[in-house]
Amino acid sequence: MQIPAHLLKDRYWRGTLHLFTKHDKLQRCMTSQYFDFDEGEIRTTGLRQLTKPWSQSERFMLELALHLFNERHLVNLHIMDYLDTRNKELAFEAIRLRFG
């Protein structure tokens, strides 16, 4: 899936796209079924359904990505305690991209 260059510079998309392009499971979800770059939409209901069987830490990465995109999607940061080192680094990088 081709990401438009202007979205990689957008503060709301940057962190979200970082997680979706760097996290193994999220990468597989980055399809036109869930993303509409032309309309600037992420279909969150479908993504959440798809990720129900995932582990708590994997679902956290999705929830963080959605929160970075739009604050209406709340995330419990305490779940970061369960992330391995690589996923913590990805999460912190995404947060820096959004808020830094």
N, C-alpha and C. Protein backbone atom coordinates (compact mmCIF):
# COMPACT_ATOMS: atom_id res chain seq x y z
N MET A 1 0.85 -1.18 0.00
CA MET A 1 0.00 0.00 0.00
C MET A 1 0.90 1.23 0.00
N GLN A 2 0.66 2.12 -0.92
CA GLN A 2 1.46 3.34 -1.06
C GLN A 2 0.94 4.44 -0.15
N ILE A 3 1.81 4.95 0.71
CA ILE A 3 1.45 6.02 1.63
C ILE A 3 1.80 7.35 0.98
N PRO A 4 0.84 8.26 0.86
CA PRO A 4 1.14 9.58 0.30
C PRO A 4 2.19 10.31 1.13
N ALA A 5 3.14 10.94 0.48
CA ALA A 5 4.26 11.60 1.16
C ALA A 5 3.80 12.67 2.15
N HIS A 6 2.74 13.38 1.83
CA HIS A 6 2.31 14.45 2.74
C HIS A 6 1.80 13.90 4.07
N LEU A 7 1.31 12.66 4.08
CA LEU A 7 0.83 12.08 5.34
C LEU A 7 2.00 11.71 6.27
N LEU A 8 3.14 11.42 5.68
CA LEU A 8 4.31 11.10 6.50
C LEU A 8 4.83 12.32 7.24
N LYS A 9 4.39 13.50 6.83
CA LYS A 9 4.78 14.75 7.50
C LYS A 9 3.69 15.28 8.42
N ASP A 10 2.51 14.71 8.32
CA ASP A 10 1.37 15.18 9.11
C ASP A 10 1.49 14.67 10.55
N ARG A 11 1.34 15.56 11.53
CA ARG A 11 1.57 15.18 12.92
C ARG A 11 0.58 14.13 13.42
N TYR A 12 -0.61 14.08 12.87
CA TYR A 12 -1.59 13.08 13.29
C TYR A 12 -1.35 11.72 12.64
N TRP A 13 -0.79 11.72 11.47
CA TRP A 13 -0.53 10.46 10.77
C TRP A 13 0.84 9.87 11.09
N ARG A 14 1.84 10.72 11.34
CA ARG A 14 3.24 10.25 11.47
C ARG A 14 3.42 9.09 12.43
N GLY A 15 3.01 9.28 13.69
CA GLY A 15 3.19 8.23 14.69
C GLY A 15 2.39 6.99 14.38
N THR A 16 1.18 7.20 13.90
CA THR A 16 0.31 6.08 13.53
C THR A 16 0.93 5.26 12.41
N LEU A 17 1.37 5.94 11.37
CA LEU A 17 1.99 5.23 10.24
C LEU A 17 3.28 4.55 10.65
N HIS A 18 4.02 5.18 11.55
CA HIS A 18 5.25 4.57 12.05
C HIS A 18 4.95 3.20 12.67
N LEU A 19 3.93 3.15 13.53
CA LEU A 19 3.59 1.88 14.16
C LEU A 19 3.07 0.87 13.14
N PHE A 20 2.25 1.32 12.21
CA PHE A 20 1.70 0.39 11.23
C PHE A 20 2.75 -0.11 10.23
N THR A 21 3.80 0.62 10.03
CA THR A 21 4.83 0.16 9.09
C THR A 21 5.97 -0.60 9.77
N LYS A 22 6.12 -0.43 11.08
CA LYS A 22 7.25 -1.06 11.79
C LYS A 22 6.85 -2.26 12.64
N HIS A 23 5.59 -2.36 13.03
CA HIS A 23 5.13 -3.46 13.88
C HIS A 23 4.64 -4.59 12.98
N ASP A 24 5.15 -5.80 13.21
CA ASP A 24 4.87 -6.92 12.31
C ASP A 24 3.37 -7.17 12.09
N LYS A 25 2.62 -7.27 13.15
CA LYS A 25 1.19 -7.58 12.99
C LYS A 25 0.42 -6.40 12.42
N LEU A 26 0.75 -5.20 12.87
CA LEU A 26 0.05 -4.03 12.33
C LEU A 26 0.32 -3.86 10.84
N GLN A 27 1.52 -4.22 10.40
CA GLN A 27 1.87 -4.13 8.97
C GLN A 27 0.86 -4.90 8.12
N ARG A 28 0.49 -6.07 8.60
CA ARG A 28 -0.43 -6.92 7.84
C ARG A 28 -1.84 -6.34 7.75
N CYS A 29 -2.15 -5.39 8.64
CA CYS A 29 -3.47 -4.76 8.65
C CYS A 29 -3.53 -3.53 7.77
N MET A 30 -2.41 -3.10 7.28
CA MET A 30 -2.36 -1.86 6.52
C MET A 30 -2.79 -2.11 5.08
N THR A 31 -4.10 -2.21 4.91
CA THR A 31 -4.69 -2.46 3.61
C THR A 31 -5.80 -1.45 3.35
N SER A 32 -6.25 -1.40 2.12
CA SER A 32 -7.33 -0.48 1.77
C SER A 32 -8.64 -0.85 2.46
N GLN A 33 -8.72 -2.05 3.00
CA GLN A 33 -9.90 -2.44 3.76
C GLN A 33 -10.04 -1.57 5.02
N TYR A 34 -8.92 -1.16 5.59
CA TYR A 34 -8.93 -0.39 6.84
C TYR A 34 -8.44 1.05 6.69
N PHE A 35 -7.73 1.35 5.63
CA PHE A 35 -7.17 2.68 5.43
C PHE A 35 -7.68 3.29 4.15
N ASP A 36 -8.11 4.54 4.24
CA ASP A 36 -8.49 5.31 3.05
C ASP A 36 -7.71 6.61 3.13
N PHE A 37 -6.56 6.64 2.50
CA PHE A 37 -5.69 7.81 2.55
C PHE A 37 -6.31 9.00 1.84
N ASP A 38 -7.09 8.76 0.79
CA ASP A 38 -7.73 9.86 0.06
C ASP A 38 -8.72 10.59 0.96
N GLU A 39 -9.45 9.85 1.76
CA GLU A 39 -10.45 10.45 2.66
C GLU A 39 -9.86 10.77 4.04
N GLY A 40 -8.64 10.34 4.29
CA GLY A 40 -8.01 10.57 5.59
C GLY A 40 -8.66 9.78 6.70
N GLU A 41 -9.05 8.54 6.40
CA GLU A 41 -9.78 7.72 7.36
C GLU A 41 -9.05 6.43 7.70
N ILE A 42 -9.27 6.01 8.94
CA ILE A 42 -8.88 4.67 9.37
C ILE A 42 -10.16 4.02 9.88
N ARG A 43 -10.47 2.85 9.38
CA ARG A 43 -11.69 2.15 9.78
C ARG A 43 -11.41 1.35 11.06
N THR A 44 -11.63 2.00 12.16
CA THR A 44 -11.22 1.47 13.46
C THR A 44 -12.06 0.28 13.91
N THR A 45 -13.32 0.28 13.59
CA THR A 45 -14.18 -0.83 14.04
C THR A 45 -13.70 -2.16 13.47
N GLY A 46 -13.40 -2.16 12.20
CA GLY A 46 -12.90 -3.38 11.57
C GLY A 46 -11.55 -3.80 12.12
N LEU A 47 -10.68 -2.83 12.36
CA LEU A 47 -9.37 -3.16 12.93
C LEU A 47 -9.50 -3.76 14.32
N ARG A 48 -10.37 -3.19 15.11
CA ARG A 48 -10.55 -3.71 16.48
C ARG A 48 -11.14 -5.12 16.45
N GLN A 49 -12.03 -5.39 15.52
CA GLN A 49 -12.58 -6.75 15.39
C GLN A 49 -11.49 -7.74 15.01
N LEU A 50 -10.68 -7.33 14.06
CA LEU A 50 -9.60 -8.19 13.58
C LEU A 50 -8.61 -8.53 14.69
N THR A 51 -8.37 -7.60 15.58
CA THR A 51 -7.32 -7.78 16.58
C THR A 51 -7.83 -8.37 17.90
N LYS A 52 -9.09 -8.71 17.99
CA LYS A 52 -9.62 -9.29 19.23
C LYS A 52 -8.82 -10.50 19.72
N PRO A 53 -8.40 -11.40 18.85
CA PRO A 53 -7.65 -12.56 19.36
C PRO A 53 -6.17 -12.27 19.67
N TRP A 54 -5.70 -11.07 19.38
CA TRP A 54 -4.30 -10.73 19.63
C TRP A 54 -4.03 -10.64 21.12
N SER A 55 -2.76 -10.67 21.47
CA SER A 55 -2.36 -10.51 22.87
C SER A 55 -2.63 -9.07 23.33
N GLN A 56 -2.61 -8.90 24.64
CA GLN A 56 -2.86 -7.57 25.22
C GLN A 56 -1.84 -6.56 24.71
N SER A 57 -0.59 -6.95 24.63
CA SER A 57 0.44 -6.00 24.19
C SER A 57 0.30 -5.67 22.70
N GLU A 58 -0.12 -6.65 21.90
CA GLU A 58 -0.33 -6.39 20.46
C GLU A 58 -1.52 -5.45 20.26
N ARG A 59 -2.59 -5.67 21.01
CA ARG A 59 -3.75 -4.77 20.92
C ARG A 59 -3.39 -3.37 21.42
N PHE A 60 -2.51 -3.30 22.42
CA PHE A 60 -2.08 -1.99 22.90
C PHE A 60 -1.42 -1.20 21.77
N MET A 61 -0.61 -1.85 20.96
CA MET A 61 0.06 -1.16 19.87
C MET A 61 -0.97 -0.59 18.89
N LEU A 62 -2.02 -1.33 18.62
CA LEU A 62 -3.10 -0.81 17.77
C LEU A 62 -3.76 0.39 18.45
N GLU A 63 -4.11 0.25 19.71
CA GLU A 63 -4.79 1.33 20.43
C GLU A 63 -3.92 2.58 20.50
N LEU A 64 -2.62 2.41 20.69
CA LEU A 64 -1.71 3.56 20.70
C LEU A 64 -1.70 4.22 19.33
N ALA A 65 -1.61 3.42 18.28
CA ALA A 65 -1.60 3.98 16.93
C ALA A 65 -2.87 4.78 16.66
N LEU A 66 -4.00 4.25 17.09
CA LEU A 66 -5.28 4.95 16.87
C LEU A 66 -5.36 6.22 17.72
N HIS A 67 -4.84 6.16 18.93
CA HIS A 67 -4.85 7.33 19.80
C HIS A 67 -3.97 8.45 19.22
N LEU A 68 -2.82 8.09 18.69
CA LEU A 68 -1.94 9.09 18.11
C LEU A 68 -2.59 9.76 16.90
N PHE A 69 -3.42 9.02 16.21
CA PHE A 69 -4.13 9.55 15.05
C PHE A 69 -5.26 10.48 15.48
N ASN A 70 -5.97 10.08 16.54
CA ASN A 70 -7.14 10.86 16.97
C ASN A 70 -7.38 10.59 18.45
N GLU A 71 -7.37 11.65 19.24
CA GLU A 71 -7.46 11.52 20.69
C GLU A 71 -8.79 10.94 21.17
N ARG A 72 -9.77 10.81 20.32
CA ARG A 72 -11.02 10.15 20.71
C ARG A 72 -10.79 8.69 21.05
N HIS A 73 -9.72 8.12 20.51
CA HIS A 73 -9.37 6.72 20.78
C HIS A 73 -8.45 6.70 21.99
N LEU A 74 -9.00 6.30 23.11
CA LEU A 74 -8.24 6.33 24.35
C LEU A 74 -7.34 5.11 24.47
N VAL A 75 -6.23 5.29 25.18
CA VAL A 75 -5.28 4.20 25.38
C VAL A 75 -4.82 4.23 26.84
N ASN A 76 -4.64 3.06 27.41
CA ASN A 76 -4.15 2.93 28.78
C ASN A 76 -2.64 2.74 28.73
N LEU A 77 -1.89 3.77 29.05
CA LEU A 77 -0.43 3.70 28.95
C LEU A 77 0.19 2.71 29.93
N HIS A 78 -0.51 2.33 30.96
CA HIS A 78 0.03 1.36 31.92
C HIS A 78 0.29 0.00 31.27
N ILE A 79 -0.38 -0.28 30.18
CA ILE A 79 -0.16 -1.56 29.49
C ILE A 79 1.23 -1.62 28.88
N MET A 80 1.88 -0.47 28.73
CA MET A 80 3.25 -0.48 28.20
C MET A 80 4.19 -1.31 29.07
N ASP A 81 3.83 -1.53 30.34
CA ASP A 81 4.64 -2.38 31.21
C ASP A 81 4.79 -3.79 30.64
N TYR A 82 3.85 -4.22 29.82
CA TYR A 82 3.86 -5.58 29.28
C TYR A 82 4.59 -5.69 27.93
N LEU A 83 5.03 -4.56 27.40
CA LEU A 83 5.70 -4.58 26.10
C LEU A 83 7.14 -5.04 26.25
N ASP A 84 7.62 -5.74 25.24
CA ASP A 84 9.04 -6.07 25.21
C ASP A 84 9.83 -4.83 24.80
N THR A 85 11.14 -4.92 24.86
CA THR A 85 12.00 -3.77 24.60
C THR A 85 11.77 -3.18 23.22
N ARG A 86 11.67 -4.01 22.21
CA ARG A 86 11.49 -3.52 20.84
C ARG A 86 10.18 -2.75 20.70
N ASN A 87 9.10 -3.30 21.24
CA ASN A 87 7.81 -2.62 21.12
C ASN A 87 7.74 -1.35 21.95
N LYS A 88 8.43 -1.32 23.10
CA LYS A 88 8.50 -0.07 23.86
C LYS A 88 9.20 1.00 23.06
N GLU A 89 10.30 0.62 22.40
CA GLU A 89 11.03 1.57 21.56
C GLU A 89 10.14 2.09 20.43
N LEU A 90 9.40 1.18 19.78
CA LEU A 90 8.48 1.61 18.72
C LEU A 90 7.43 2.57 19.26
N ALA A 91 6.90 2.25 20.43
CA ALA A 91 5.87 3.10 21.02
C ALA A 91 6.42 4.49 21.34
N PHE A 92 7.60 4.55 21.96
CA PHE A 92 8.19 5.85 22.29
C PHE A 92 8.54 6.64 21.03
N GLU A 93 9.03 5.96 19.99
CA GLU A 93 9.33 6.65 18.73
C GLU A 93 8.05 7.25 18.14
N ALA A 94 6.98 6.48 18.16
CA ALA A 94 5.71 6.97 17.61
C ALA A 94 5.19 8.15 18.41
N ILE A 95 5.32 8.09 19.72
CA ILE A 95 4.87 9.21 20.56
C ILE A 95 5.70 10.45 20.27
N ARG A 96 7.00 10.28 20.09
CA ARG A 96 7.86 11.43 19.74
C ARG A 96 7.47 12.01 18.38
N LEU A 97 7.17 11.14 17.44
CA LEU A 97 6.77 11.63 16.11
C LEU A 97 5.48 12.43 16.17
N ARG A 98 4.59 12.05 17.03
CA ARG A 98 3.31 12.76 17.15
C ARG A 98 3.43 14.04 17.97
N PHE A 99 4.15 13.98 19.11
CA PHE A 99 4.16 15.10 20.03
C PHE A 99 5.48 15.86 20.09
N GLY A 100 6.53 15.29 19.50
CA GLY A 100 7.85 15.89 19.60
C GLY A 100 8.10 17.02 18.65
